[in-house]
Amino acid sequence: MSIVIEAVFLFIFAAVMAAVEIEIEGKNGWESQLPTWYRTTGTAARIYGKLMNHKPLTGYHLFMTILTMMIFHIGFFLPPHPKWSATNECQILARYFVWSTLWDFLWFVLNPAFGVKNFKPWKIWWHAKSPWIFDLFPADYASAWLIAFLLTAAPAVTTNFAPFMRLSIVLGILIVLTAVLIPFAKYYHRWRQNMRKNDDRNKISALTRPDVA
């Protein structure tokens, strides 16, 4: 049961983060229209681009990665303070890599501007330079899964394969939950579009609006 709870939590967390990003970005993926710094040149940006298949390095992605990494590690700093170890770190990072691909994919599933039908390399410019596996998903996803399983399997060489099997089950449950969500995503699309029909910003007093001189 704990495996199911873990998978469901990771799924809900990914869905909520995807929804947050949709509210921030709308249809403009990879922060192309946000007031964040954007780099494709410079040492850090070039290294990032090579690791991420030529995606730009942005301030948004830098701090969002730090934030989500901190969330995954928060258990080490709050009661009951589980002891840090290389094995525990590998388990945390493995789940982060699996979760981050789900987070990315659910952005498309839940985004009314895309949906699964538009999850294609020729419709997503920031994934266009990545190799795609049978045009189903970017190779980035498979690479992240591979890294996750390598991180999980490394400690298993000297202990046991239980963590490896657990992650396999978690990934399987996440895939099933995603498949279940896809046909229901249209209801989220409708709800979001309905919420955007009326905008009450014009009802806020000019005295409290920073954009009104």
N, C-alpha and C. Protein backbone atom coordinates (compact mmCIF):
# COMPACT_ATOMS: atom_id res chain seq x y z
N MET A 1 0.82 -1.21 0.00
CA MET A 1 0.00 0.00 0.00
C MET A 1 0.86 1.27 0.00
N SER A 2 2.00 1.23 0.70
CA SER A 2 2.86 2.41 0.76
C SER A 2 3.39 2.78 -0.62
N ILE A 3 3.58 1.77 -1.48
CA ILE A 3 4.05 2.05 -2.84
C ILE A 3 2.98 2.82 -3.61
N VAL A 4 1.73 2.41 -3.45
CA VAL A 4 0.62 3.08 -4.13
C VAL A 4 0.50 4.52 -3.63
N ILE A 5 0.59 4.70 -2.32
CA ILE A 5 0.51 6.05 -1.74
C ILE A 5 1.63 6.93 -2.28
N GLU A 6 2.83 6.38 -2.36
CA GLU A 6 3.97 7.13 -2.90
C GLU A 6 3.70 7.56 -4.34
N ALA A 7 3.23 6.62 -5.15
CA ALA A 7 2.98 6.91 -6.56
C ALA A 7 1.87 7.95 -6.73
N VAL A 8 0.80 7.80 -5.96
CA VAL A 8 -0.32 8.74 -6.05
C VAL A 8 0.13 10.14 -5.63
N PHE A 9 0.92 10.22 -4.57
CA PHE A 9 1.44 11.53 -4.13
C PHE A 9 2.29 12.17 -5.22
N LEU A 10 3.21 11.40 -5.80
CA LEU A 10 4.07 11.94 -6.85
C LEU A 10 3.24 12.39 -8.05
N PHE A 11 2.19 11.64 -8.35
CA PHE A 11 1.33 11.99 -9.49
C PHE A 11 0.59 13.30 -9.22
N ILE A 12 -0.01 13.42 -8.04
CA ILE A 12 -0.74 14.64 -7.71
C ILE A 12 0.20 15.84 -7.67
N PHE A 13 1.38 15.65 -7.10
CA PHE A 13 2.38 16.72 -7.04
C PHE A 13 2.75 17.17 -8.45
N ALA A 14 2.96 16.22 -9.36
CA ALA A 14 3.31 16.57 -10.75
C ALA A 14 2.16 17.31 -11.43
N ALA A 15 0.93 16.85 -11.19
CA ALA A 15 -0.23 17.49 -11.81
C ALA A 15 -0.41 18.91 -11.30
N VAL A 16 -0.23 19.12 -10.00
CA VAL A 16 -0.37 20.46 -9.43
C VAL A 16 0.72 21.39 -9.97
N MET A 17 1.95 20.90 -10.04
CA MET A 17 3.04 21.72 -10.57
C MET A 17 2.81 22.04 -12.04
N ALA A 18 2.27 21.09 -12.79
CA ALA A 18 1.97 21.34 -14.20
C ALA A 18 0.91 22.43 -14.32
N ALA A 19 -0.12 22.35 -13.46
CA ALA A 19 -1.18 23.36 -13.48
C ALA A 19 -0.64 24.73 -13.10
N VAL A 20 0.26 24.78 -12.13
CA VAL A 20 0.89 26.05 -11.74
C VAL A 20 1.62 26.66 -12.93
N GLU A 21 2.39 25.84 -13.63
CA GLU A 21 3.15 26.35 -14.78
C GLU A 21 2.23 26.79 -15.91
N ILE A 22 1.12 26.11 -16.08
CA ILE A 22 0.16 26.51 -17.12
C ILE A 22 -0.39 27.89 -16.81
N GLU A 23 -0.68 28.15 -15.52
CA GLU A 23 -1.17 29.47 -15.13
C GLU A 23 -0.11 30.54 -15.35
N ILE A 24 1.15 30.18 -15.22
CA ILE A 24 2.23 31.14 -15.41
C ILE A 24 2.53 31.36 -16.89
N GLU A 25 2.61 30.28 -17.65
CA GLU A 25 3.07 30.34 -19.03
C GLU A 25 1.96 30.43 -20.06
N GLY A 26 0.80 29.85 -19.77
CA GLY A 26 -0.24 29.76 -20.78
C GLY A 26 0.21 28.87 -21.92
N LYS A 27 0.06 29.35 -23.14
CA LYS A 27 0.44 28.57 -24.32
C LYS A 27 1.92 28.75 -24.68
N ASN A 28 2.60 29.67 -24.03
CA ASN A 28 3.99 30.00 -24.38
C ASN A 28 4.96 29.18 -23.54
N GLY A 29 5.27 27.99 -24.03
CA GLY A 29 6.15 27.10 -23.30
C GLY A 29 7.58 27.58 -23.24
N TRP A 30 8.29 27.01 -22.31
CA TRP A 30 9.70 27.32 -22.04
C TRP A 30 9.92 28.81 -21.80
N GLU A 31 8.96 29.43 -21.12
CA GLU A 31 9.10 30.81 -20.66
C GLU A 31 9.44 31.80 -21.77
N SER A 32 8.96 31.54 -22.98
CA SER A 32 9.33 32.40 -24.11
C SER A 32 8.76 33.81 -23.98
N GLN A 33 7.72 33.99 -23.16
CA GLN A 33 7.12 35.32 -23.03
C GLN A 33 7.18 35.86 -21.60
N LEU A 34 7.92 35.21 -20.73
CA LEU A 34 7.98 35.67 -19.34
C LEU A 34 9.13 36.65 -19.13
N PRO A 35 9.00 37.52 -18.12
CA PRO A 35 10.08 38.48 -17.82
C PRO A 35 11.21 37.83 -17.03
N THR A 36 11.81 36.79 -17.58
CA THR A 36 12.91 36.10 -16.94
C THR A 36 14.13 36.20 -17.84
N TRP A 37 15.33 36.12 -17.26
CA TRP A 37 16.51 36.17 -18.13
C TRP A 37 16.59 34.88 -18.94
N TYR A 38 17.16 35.02 -20.12
CA TYR A 38 17.13 33.95 -21.14
C TYR A 38 18.52 33.86 -21.75
N ARG A 39 19.16 32.70 -21.68
CA ARG A 39 20.53 32.58 -22.18
C ARG A 39 20.72 31.36 -23.08
N THR A 40 21.37 31.62 -24.21
CA THR A 40 21.82 30.53 -25.08
C THR A 40 23.33 30.61 -25.29
N THR A 41 23.94 31.69 -24.80
CA THR A 41 25.38 31.88 -24.91
C THR A 41 25.99 31.94 -23.51
N GLY A 42 27.30 31.79 -23.46
CA GLY A 42 27.98 31.74 -22.18
C GLY A 42 28.23 30.30 -21.77
N THR A 43 29.20 30.09 -20.93
CA THR A 43 29.61 28.74 -20.56
C THR A 43 28.47 27.94 -19.93
N ALA A 44 27.80 28.53 -18.93
CA ALA A 44 26.72 27.82 -18.24
C ALA A 44 25.59 27.46 -19.20
N ALA A 45 25.21 28.42 -20.06
CA ALA A 45 24.12 28.18 -21.00
C ALA A 45 24.49 27.12 -22.02
N ARG A 46 25.75 27.12 -22.45
CA ARG A 46 26.19 26.11 -23.44
C ARG A 46 26.20 24.71 -22.82
N ILE A 47 26.67 24.61 -21.58
CA ILE A 47 26.67 23.31 -20.91
C ILE A 47 25.23 22.83 -20.71
N TYR A 48 24.37 23.74 -20.27
CA TYR A 48 22.96 23.40 -20.07
C TYR A 48 22.33 22.96 -21.39
N GLY A 49 22.63 23.69 -22.47
CA GLY A 49 22.08 23.35 -23.77
C GLY A 49 22.50 21.97 -24.24
N LYS A 50 23.74 21.61 -23.99
CA LYS A 50 24.22 20.28 -24.39
C LYS A 50 23.52 19.18 -23.59
N LEU A 51 23.34 19.44 -22.31
CA LEU A 51 22.68 18.44 -21.45
C LEU A 51 21.19 18.34 -21.74
N MET A 52 20.59 19.45 -22.20
CA MET A 52 19.14 19.52 -22.38
C MET A 52 18.73 19.61 -23.84
N ASN A 53 19.56 19.11 -24.74
CA ASN A 53 19.23 19.09 -26.17
C ASN A 53 18.88 20.48 -26.70
N HIS A 54 19.78 21.43 -26.43
CA HIS A 54 19.73 22.77 -27.02
C HIS A 54 18.61 23.65 -26.48
N LYS A 55 18.07 23.32 -25.33
CA LYS A 55 17.06 24.19 -24.73
C LYS A 55 17.75 25.39 -24.08
N PRO A 56 17.13 26.58 -24.12
CA PRO A 56 17.72 27.76 -23.50
C PRO A 56 17.74 27.62 -21.98
N LEU A 57 18.71 28.26 -21.36
CA LEU A 57 18.77 28.35 -19.90
C LEU A 57 18.05 29.62 -19.48
N THR A 58 17.09 29.50 -18.59
CA THR A 58 16.35 30.67 -18.11
C THR A 58 16.43 30.77 -16.59
N GLY A 59 16.21 31.98 -16.10
CA GLY A 59 16.17 32.16 -14.66
C GLY A 59 15.04 31.36 -14.04
N TYR A 60 13.93 31.29 -14.75
CA TYR A 60 12.78 30.54 -14.26
C TYR A 60 13.15 29.08 -14.03
N HIS A 61 13.79 28.46 -15.03
CA HIS A 61 14.13 27.04 -14.90
C HIS A 61 15.19 26.80 -13.83
N LEU A 62 16.12 27.73 -13.72
CA LEU A 62 17.16 27.58 -12.70
C LEU A 62 16.54 27.51 -11.31
N PHE A 63 15.70 28.50 -10.99
CA PHE A 63 15.15 28.55 -9.64
C PHE A 63 14.04 27.53 -9.42
N MET A 64 13.30 27.17 -10.48
CA MET A 64 12.29 26.13 -10.33
C MET A 64 12.94 24.77 -10.07
N THR A 65 14.09 24.52 -10.70
CA THR A 65 14.81 23.27 -10.45
C THR A 65 15.32 23.23 -9.02
N ILE A 66 15.88 24.35 -8.57
CA ILE A 66 16.37 24.42 -7.18
C ILE A 66 15.21 24.20 -6.21
N LEU A 67 14.07 24.85 -6.48
CA LEU A 67 12.91 24.74 -5.60
C LEU A 67 12.42 23.30 -5.50
N THR A 68 12.23 22.65 -6.64
CA THR A 68 11.70 21.28 -6.62
C THR A 68 12.71 20.30 -6.03
N MET A 69 13.99 20.53 -6.27
CA MET A 69 15.02 19.69 -5.65
C MET A 69 14.97 19.83 -4.12
N MET A 70 14.77 21.06 -3.64
CA MET A 70 14.68 21.28 -2.20
C MET A 70 13.46 20.58 -1.62
N ILE A 71 12.36 20.61 -2.35
CA ILE A 71 11.15 19.93 -1.88
C ILE A 71 11.39 18.43 -1.74
N PHE A 72 12.08 17.84 -2.70
CA PHE A 72 12.35 16.41 -2.64
C PHE A 72 13.30 16.06 -1.49
N HIS A 73 14.13 17.01 -1.09
CA HIS A 73 15.09 16.75 -0.02
C HIS A 73 14.62 17.25 1.35
N ILE A 74 13.41 17.78 1.41
CA ILE A 74 12.98 18.44 2.65
C ILE A 74 12.91 17.47 3.82
N GLY A 75 12.69 16.19 3.53
CA GLY A 75 12.61 15.19 4.59
C GLY A 75 13.87 15.08 5.42
N PHE A 76 15.01 15.41 4.82
CA PHE A 76 16.27 15.34 5.56
C PHE A 76 16.41 16.46 6.59
N PHE A 77 15.57 17.49 6.48
CA PHE A 77 15.73 18.67 7.33
C PHE A 77 14.58 18.89 8.30
N LEU A 78 13.51 18.10 8.16
CA LEU A 78 12.37 18.22 9.06
C LEU A 78 12.21 16.94 9.86
N PRO A 79 11.61 17.03 11.05
CA PRO A 79 11.39 15.82 11.85
C PRO A 79 10.61 14.79 11.02
N PRO A 80 10.94 13.50 11.14
CA PRO A 80 11.87 12.89 12.11
C PRO A 80 13.31 12.83 11.62
N HIS A 81 13.71 13.64 10.65
CA HIS A 81 15.09 13.74 10.20
C HIS A 81 15.72 12.39 9.83
N PRO A 82 15.24 11.76 8.78
CA PRO A 82 15.90 10.51 8.38
C PRO A 82 17.36 10.77 8.04
N LYS A 83 18.20 9.83 8.38
CA LYS A 83 19.63 10.01 8.20
C LYS A 83 19.98 10.07 6.72
N TRP A 84 20.83 11.07 6.37
CA TRP A 84 21.29 11.14 4.99
C TRP A 84 22.30 10.02 4.74
N SER A 85 22.21 9.42 3.57
CA SER A 85 23.18 8.42 3.14
C SER A 85 23.21 8.43 1.63
N ALA A 86 24.26 7.88 1.06
CA ALA A 86 24.36 7.82 -0.40
C ALA A 86 23.20 7.03 -0.98
N THR A 87 22.80 5.96 -0.29
CA THR A 87 21.68 5.14 -0.75
C THR A 87 20.39 5.94 -0.75
N ASN A 88 20.12 6.66 0.34
CA ASN A 88 18.91 7.48 0.41
C ASN A 88 18.93 8.59 -0.63
N GLU A 89 20.10 9.19 -0.84
CA GLU A 89 20.22 10.24 -1.85
C GLU A 89 19.91 9.70 -3.24
N CYS A 90 20.39 8.51 -3.53
CA CYS A 90 20.12 7.89 -4.83
C CYS A 90 18.62 7.66 -5.02
N GLN A 91 17.94 7.23 -3.95
CA GLN A 91 16.50 7.00 -4.04
C GLN A 91 15.74 8.31 -4.29
N ILE A 92 16.18 9.37 -3.61
CA ILE A 92 15.54 10.68 -3.79
C ILE A 92 15.74 11.18 -5.22
N LEU A 93 16.97 11.13 -5.70
CA LEU A 93 17.26 11.62 -7.06
C LEU A 93 16.56 10.78 -8.11
N ALA A 94 16.47 9.47 -7.88
CA ALA A 94 15.78 8.60 -8.83
C ALA A 94 14.33 9.01 -8.97
N ARG A 95 13.69 9.29 -7.86
CA ARG A 95 12.29 9.71 -7.91
C ARG A 95 12.15 11.09 -8.53
N TYR A 96 13.12 11.94 -8.29
CA TYR A 96 13.06 13.27 -8.91
C TYR A 96 13.10 13.16 -10.43
N PHE A 97 13.96 12.33 -10.96
CA PHE A 97 14.06 12.19 -12.42
C PHE A 97 12.79 11.60 -13.01
N VAL A 98 12.20 10.61 -12.35
CA VAL A 98 10.95 10.04 -12.83
C VAL A 98 9.83 11.07 -12.74
N TRP A 99 9.76 11.75 -11.61
CA TRP A 99 8.71 12.75 -11.39
C TRP A 99 8.81 13.91 -12.37
N SER A 100 10.01 14.39 -12.64
CA SER A 100 10.18 15.57 -13.49
C SER A 100 9.71 15.32 -14.92
N THR A 101 9.87 14.10 -15.42
CA THR A 101 9.36 13.80 -16.76
C THR A 101 7.84 13.78 -16.76
N LEU A 102 7.26 13.26 -15.68
CA LEU A 102 5.80 13.26 -15.57
C LEU A 102 5.28 14.68 -15.48
N TRP A 103 5.94 15.51 -14.69
CA TRP A 103 5.58 16.93 -14.56
C TRP A 103 5.58 17.59 -15.93
N ASP A 104 6.61 17.36 -16.71
CA ASP A 104 6.72 17.95 -18.03
C ASP A 104 5.59 17.48 -18.94
N PHE A 105 5.32 16.17 -18.93
CA PHE A 105 4.29 15.63 -19.82
C PHE A 105 2.90 16.12 -19.44
N LEU A 106 2.62 16.18 -18.14
CA LEU A 106 1.29 16.62 -17.71
C LEU A 106 1.04 18.08 -18.05
N TRP A 107 2.11 18.86 -18.23
CA TRP A 107 1.94 20.24 -18.69
C TRP A 107 1.22 20.25 -20.04
N PHE A 108 1.57 19.33 -20.90
CA PHE A 108 0.93 19.24 -22.21
C PHE A 108 -0.47 18.64 -22.11
N VAL A 109 -0.61 17.63 -21.27
CA VAL A 109 -1.92 16.98 -21.11
C VAL A 109 -2.96 17.97 -20.60
N LEU A 110 -2.59 18.78 -19.61
CA LEU A 110 -3.54 19.69 -18.97
C LEU A 110 -3.63 21.05 -19.64
N ASN A 111 -2.72 21.36 -20.52
CA ASN A 111 -2.71 22.68 -21.17
C ASN A 111 -3.70 22.70 -22.33
N PRO A 112 -4.75 23.54 -22.27
CA PRO A 112 -5.73 23.60 -23.35
C PRO A 112 -5.12 23.96 -24.70
N ALA A 113 -3.97 24.63 -24.69
CA ALA A 113 -3.32 25.02 -25.95
C ALA A 113 -2.61 23.84 -26.62
N PHE A 114 -2.46 22.74 -25.90
CA PHE A 114 -1.75 21.59 -26.47
C PHE A 114 -2.60 20.33 -26.40
N GLY A 115 -2.63 19.68 -25.26
CA GLY A 115 -3.30 18.39 -25.17
C GLY A 115 -2.42 17.29 -25.77
N VAL A 116 -2.82 16.06 -25.58
CA VAL A 116 -2.03 14.93 -26.07
C VAL A 116 -1.92 14.94 -27.59
N LYS A 117 -2.98 15.39 -28.28
CA LYS A 117 -2.97 15.35 -29.74
C LYS A 117 -1.88 16.24 -30.33
N ASN A 118 -1.47 17.26 -29.60
CA ASN A 118 -0.42 18.16 -30.08
C ASN A 118 0.95 17.87 -29.46
N PHE A 119 1.05 16.74 -28.80
CA PHE A 119 2.34 16.36 -28.21
C PHE A 119 3.19 15.71 -29.30
N LYS A 120 3.67 16.56 -30.20
CA LYS A 120 4.44 16.11 -31.36
C LYS A 120 5.69 16.98 -31.48
N PRO A 121 6.80 16.43 -31.97
CA PRO A 121 8.04 17.21 -32.05
C PRO A 121 7.92 18.45 -32.92
N TRP A 122 7.12 18.40 -33.95
CA TRP A 122 7.01 19.55 -34.85
C TRP A 122 6.06 20.63 -34.30
N LYS A 123 5.44 20.38 -33.16
CA LYS A 123 4.55 21.36 -32.55
C LYS A 123 5.09 21.93 -31.24
N ILE A 124 6.24 21.42 -30.81
CA ILE A 124 6.83 21.87 -29.55
C ILE A 124 8.26 22.28 -29.83
N TRP A 125 8.50 23.57 -30.00
CA TRP A 125 9.82 24.01 -30.47
C TRP A 125 10.93 23.65 -29.50
N TRP A 126 10.65 23.67 -28.18
CA TRP A 126 11.73 23.40 -27.22
C TRP A 126 12.06 21.91 -27.10
N HIS A 127 11.22 21.06 -27.67
CA HIS A 127 11.54 19.64 -27.73
C HIS A 127 11.91 19.20 -29.15
N ALA A 128 11.86 20.13 -30.09
CA ALA A 128 12.04 19.77 -31.50
C ALA A 128 13.44 19.23 -31.81
N LYS A 129 14.44 19.72 -31.09
CA LYS A 129 15.81 19.28 -31.37
C LYS A 129 16.18 17.99 -30.64
N SER A 130 15.28 17.51 -29.80
CA SER A 130 15.52 16.25 -29.11
C SER A 130 15.09 15.09 -30.01
N PRO A 131 15.81 13.99 -30.01
CA PRO A 131 15.33 12.80 -30.71
C PRO A 131 14.04 12.33 -30.03
N TRP A 132 13.09 11.87 -30.82
CA TRP A 132 11.85 11.34 -30.28
C TRP A 132 11.78 9.83 -30.52
N ILE A 133 11.22 9.12 -29.59
CA ILE A 133 11.09 7.67 -29.70
C ILE A 133 9.75 7.36 -30.36
N PHE A 134 9.82 6.94 -31.63
CA PHE A 134 8.63 6.64 -32.44
C PHE A 134 7.62 7.78 -32.44
N ASP A 135 8.12 9.01 -32.32
CA ASP A 135 7.28 10.21 -32.28
C ASP A 135 6.28 10.19 -31.12
N LEU A 136 6.56 9.39 -30.09
CA LEU A 136 5.67 9.29 -28.94
C LEU A 136 6.09 10.21 -27.80
N PHE A 137 7.39 10.28 -27.54
CA PHE A 137 7.90 11.14 -26.47
C PHE A 137 9.37 11.40 -26.71
N PRO A 138 9.89 12.52 -26.17
CA PRO A 138 11.30 12.87 -26.38
C PRO A 138 12.22 11.85 -25.72
N ALA A 139 13.37 11.66 -26.31
CA ALA A 139 14.36 10.76 -25.73
C ALA A 139 14.82 11.26 -24.36
N ASP A 140 14.61 12.56 -24.10
CA ASP A 140 14.94 13.12 -22.78
C ASP A 140 14.24 12.34 -21.67
N TYR A 141 12.98 11.97 -21.93
CA TYR A 141 12.22 11.23 -20.92
C TYR A 141 12.87 9.89 -20.64
N ALA A 142 13.21 9.18 -21.72
CA ALA A 142 13.84 7.86 -21.56
C ALA A 142 15.18 7.99 -20.86
N SER A 143 15.92 9.05 -21.19
CA SER A 143 17.22 9.27 -20.53
C SER A 143 17.04 9.49 -19.04
N ALA A 144 16.01 10.26 -18.67
CA ALA A 144 15.75 10.52 -17.25
C ALA A 144 15.37 9.23 -16.53
N TRP A 145 14.55 8.40 -17.19
CA TRP A 145 14.16 7.11 -16.58
C TRP A 145 15.38 6.22 -16.40
N LEU A 146 16.25 6.21 -17.42
CA LEU A 146 17.46 5.38 -17.34
C LEU A 146 18.33 5.83 -16.17
N ILE A 147 18.52 7.14 -16.05
CA ILE A 147 19.31 7.67 -14.94
C ILE A 147 18.68 7.27 -13.60
N ALA A 148 17.35 7.37 -13.54
CA ALA A 148 16.64 7.02 -12.31
C ALA A 148 16.90 5.57 -11.92
N PHE A 149 16.80 4.67 -12.88
CA PHE A 149 16.99 3.25 -12.57
C PHE A 149 18.45 2.93 -12.26
N LEU A 150 19.37 3.64 -12.90
CA LEU A 150 20.78 3.44 -12.58
C LEU A 150 21.08 3.90 -11.15
N LEU A 151 20.47 5.03 -10.76
CA LEU A 151 20.65 5.52 -9.40
C LEU A 151 20.08 4.54 -8.38
N THR A 152 18.96 3.93 -8.73
CA THR A 152 18.33 2.99 -7.82
C THR A 152 19.09 1.67 -7.76
N ALA A 153 19.60 1.25 -8.92
CA ALA A 153 20.27 -0.04 -8.99
C ALA A 153 21.67 0.00 -8.38
N ALA A 154 22.30 1.16 -8.38
CA ALA A 154 23.68 1.25 -7.88
C ALA A 154 23.81 0.76 -6.44
N PRO A 155 22.97 1.24 -5.51
CA PRO A 155 23.07 0.71 -4.15
C PRO A 155 22.65 -0.75 -4.07
N ALA A 156 21.79 -1.19 -5.00
CA ALA A 156 21.28 -2.56 -4.96
C ALA A 156 22.38 -3.58 -5.21
N VAL A 157 23.47 -3.15 -5.84
CA VAL A 157 24.57 -4.08 -6.11
C VAL A 157 25.15 -4.61 -4.81
N THR A 158 25.17 -3.77 -3.79
CA THR A 158 25.76 -4.19 -2.52
C THR A 158 24.71 -4.50 -1.45
N THR A 159 23.44 -4.25 -1.75
CA THR A 159 22.40 -4.54 -0.76
C THR A 159 21.38 -5.52 -1.33
N ASN A 160 20.30 -5.01 -1.90
CA ASN A 160 19.30 -5.88 -2.51
C ASN A 160 18.58 -5.11 -3.60
N PHE A 161 17.73 -5.82 -4.33
CA PHE A 161 17.06 -5.21 -5.48
C PHE A 161 15.68 -4.67 -5.13
N ALA A 162 15.34 -4.62 -3.86
CA ALA A 162 14.03 -4.12 -3.47
C ALA A 162 13.79 -2.67 -3.91
N PRO A 163 14.76 -1.74 -3.74
CA PRO A 163 14.54 -0.37 -4.20
C PRO A 163 14.31 -0.29 -5.71
N PHE A 164 15.04 -1.10 -6.46
CA PHE A 164 14.90 -1.12 -7.92
C PHE A 164 13.49 -1.58 -8.29
N MET A 165 13.03 -2.64 -7.65
CA MET A 165 11.70 -3.16 -7.94
C MET A 165 10.62 -2.16 -7.51
N ARG A 166 10.86 -1.50 -6.39
CA ARG A 166 9.88 -0.51 -5.92
C ARG A 166 9.73 0.62 -6.92
N LEU A 167 10.85 1.14 -7.41
CA LEU A 167 10.77 2.22 -8.39
C LEU A 167 10.08 1.75 -9.66
N SER A 168 10.31 0.52 -10.06
CA SER A 168 9.65 -0.03 -11.25
C SER A 168 8.14 -0.03 -11.07
N ILE A 169 7.70 -0.43 -9.87
CA ILE A 169 6.26 -0.45 -9.59
C ILE A 169 5.70 0.97 -9.56
N VAL A 170 6.44 1.88 -8.93
CA VAL A 170 6.00 3.28 -8.87
C VAL A 170 5.85 3.85 -10.27
N LEU A 171 6.83 3.62 -11.13
CA LEU A 171 6.76 4.11 -12.50
C LEU A 171 5.56 3.51 -13.22
N GLY A 172 5.33 2.23 -13.02
CA GLY A 172 4.18 1.58 -13.65
C GLY A 172 2.87 2.20 -13.21
N ILE A 173 2.74 2.48 -11.92
CA ILE A 173 1.51 3.10 -11.41
C ILE A 173 1.35 4.51 -11.97
N LEU A 174 2.45 5.26 -12.07
CA LEU A 174 2.39 6.61 -12.63
C LEU A 174 1.92 6.58 -14.08
N ILE A 175 2.38 5.61 -14.84
CA ILE A 175 1.96 5.48 -16.24
C ILE A 175 0.47 5.19 -16.31
N VAL A 176 0.00 4.30 -15.44
CA VAL A 176 -1.43 3.96 -15.42
C VAL A 176 -2.26 5.19 -15.04
N LEU A 177 -1.85 5.91 -14.01
CA LEU A 177 -2.58 7.10 -13.58
C LEU A 177 -2.61 8.16 -14.67
N THR A 178 -1.52 8.29 -15.40
CA THR A 178 -1.48 9.25 -16.51
C THR A 178 -2.46 8.85 -17.60
N ALA A 179 -2.49 7.56 -17.92
CA ALA A 179 -3.42 7.07 -18.94
C ALA A 179 -4.87 7.30 -18.52
N VAL A 180 -5.14 7.16 -17.23
CA VAL A 180 -6.49 7.40 -16.71
C VAL A 180 -6.84 8.88 -16.79
N LEU A 181 -5.86 9.75 -16.52
CA LEU A 181 -6.11 11.19 -16.51
C LEU A 181 -6.38 11.75 -17.90
N ILE A 182 -5.70 11.24 -18.90
CA ILE A 182 -5.76 11.83 -20.25
C ILE A 182 -7.19 12.06 -20.74
N PRO A 183 -8.09 11.06 -20.70
CA PRO A 183 -9.44 11.33 -21.20
C PRO A 183 -10.24 12.33 -20.37
N PHE A 184 -9.81 12.56 -19.12
CA PHE A 184 -10.52 13.51 -18.26
C PHE A 184 -9.92 14.91 -18.33
N ALA A 185 -8.80 15.06 -19.01
CA ALA A 185 -8.13 16.36 -19.08
C ALA A 185 -9.02 17.42 -19.72
N LYS A 186 -9.91 17.00 -20.62
CA LYS A 186 -10.78 17.96 -21.31
C LYS A 186 -11.66 18.73 -20.32
N TYR A 187 -11.99 18.10 -19.20
CA TYR A 187 -12.82 18.78 -18.20
C TYR A 187 -12.02 19.88 -17.50
N TYR A 188 -10.75 19.62 -17.28
CA TYR A 188 -9.89 20.66 -16.73
C TYR A 188 -9.76 21.79 -17.73
N HIS A 189 -9.61 21.47 -19.02
CA HIS A 189 -9.50 22.50 -20.06
C HIS A 189 -10.73 23.41 -20.03
N ARG A 190 -11.92 22.78 -19.95
CA ARG A 190 -13.16 23.56 -19.94
C ARG A 190 -13.25 24.43 -18.70
N TRP A 191 -12.88 23.87 -17.55
CA TRP A 191 -12.94 24.64 -16.31
C TRP A 191 -12.02 25.84 -16.39
N ARG A 192 -10.80 25.66 -16.89
CA ARG A 192 -9.85 26.76 -16.97
C ARG A 192 -10.33 27.83 -17.94
N GLN A 193 -10.87 27.41 -19.08
CA GLN A 193 -11.37 28.38 -20.05
C GLN A 193 -12.56 29.15 -19.48
N ASN A 194 -13.40 28.46 -18.71
CA ASN A 194 -14.55 29.12 -18.08
C ASN A 194 -14.09 30.14 -17.04
N MET A 195 -13.05 29.80 -16.28
CA MET A 195 -12.54 30.71 -15.27
C MET A 195 -11.92 31.96 -15.89
N ARG A 196 -11.48 31.85 -17.14
CA ARG A 196 -10.84 32.98 -17.81
C ARG A 196 -11.83 33.87 -18.56
N LYS A 197 -13.10 33.49 -18.56
CA LYS A 197 -14.09 34.29 -19.28
C LYS A 197 -14.27 35.66 -18.66
N ASN A 198 -14.24 35.71 -17.34
CA ASN A 198 -14.39 36.98 -16.62
C ASN A 198 -13.09 37.32 -15.91
N ASP A 199 -12.69 38.56 -16.03
CA ASP A 199 -11.47 39.03 -15.38
C ASP A 199 -11.82 40.23 -14.51
N ASP A 200 -11.60 40.09 -13.22
CA ASP A 200 -12.00 41.14 -12.28
C ASP A 200 -10.91 42.14 -11.94
N ARG A 201 -9.84 42.15 -12.70
CA ARG A 201 -8.77 43.10 -12.39
C ARG A 201 -9.23 44.54 -12.50
N ASN A 202 -10.20 44.80 -13.39
CA ASN A 202 -10.67 46.18 -13.56
C ASN A 202 -11.53 46.65 -12.38
N LYS A 203 -11.87 45.71 -11.49
CA LYS A 203 -12.68 46.07 -10.33
C LYS A 203 -11.84 46.41 -9.11
N ILE A 204 -10.53 46.19 -9.23
CA ILE A 204 -9.64 46.50 -8.12
C ILE A 204 -9.40 48.00 -8.09
N SER A 205 -9.42 48.57 -6.91
CA SER A 205 -9.22 50.01 -6.76
C SER A 205 -7.89 50.44 -7.35
N ALA A 206 -7.91 51.57 -8.04
CA ALA A 206 -6.68 52.11 -8.63
C ALA A 206 -5.64 52.41 -7.55
N LEU A 207 -6.10 52.62 -6.32
CA LEU A 207 -5.17 52.90 -5.23
C LEU A 207 -4.33 51.69 -4.85
N THR A 208 -4.83 50.50 -5.18
CA THR A 208 -4.11 49.27 -4.81
C THR A 208 -3.48 48.59 -6.01
N ARG A 209 -3.68 49.15 -7.19
CA ARG A 209 -3.12 48.54 -8.40
C ARG A 209 -1.79 49.18 -8.75
N PRO A 210 -0.70 48.42 -8.75
CA PRO A 210 0.62 48.99 -9.03
C PRO A 210 0.79 49.42 -10.48
N ASP A 211 -0.09 48.94 -11.38
CA ASP A 211 0.06 49.28 -12.79
C ASP A 211 -0.70 50.55 -13.15
N VAL A 212 -1.36 51.15 -12.18
CA VAL A 212 -2.13 52.37 -12.44
C VAL A 212 -1.44 53.54 -11.75
N ALA A 213 -1.04 54.52 -12.53
CA ALA A 213 -0.33 55.69 -11.98
C ALA A 213 -1.30 56.55 -11.18
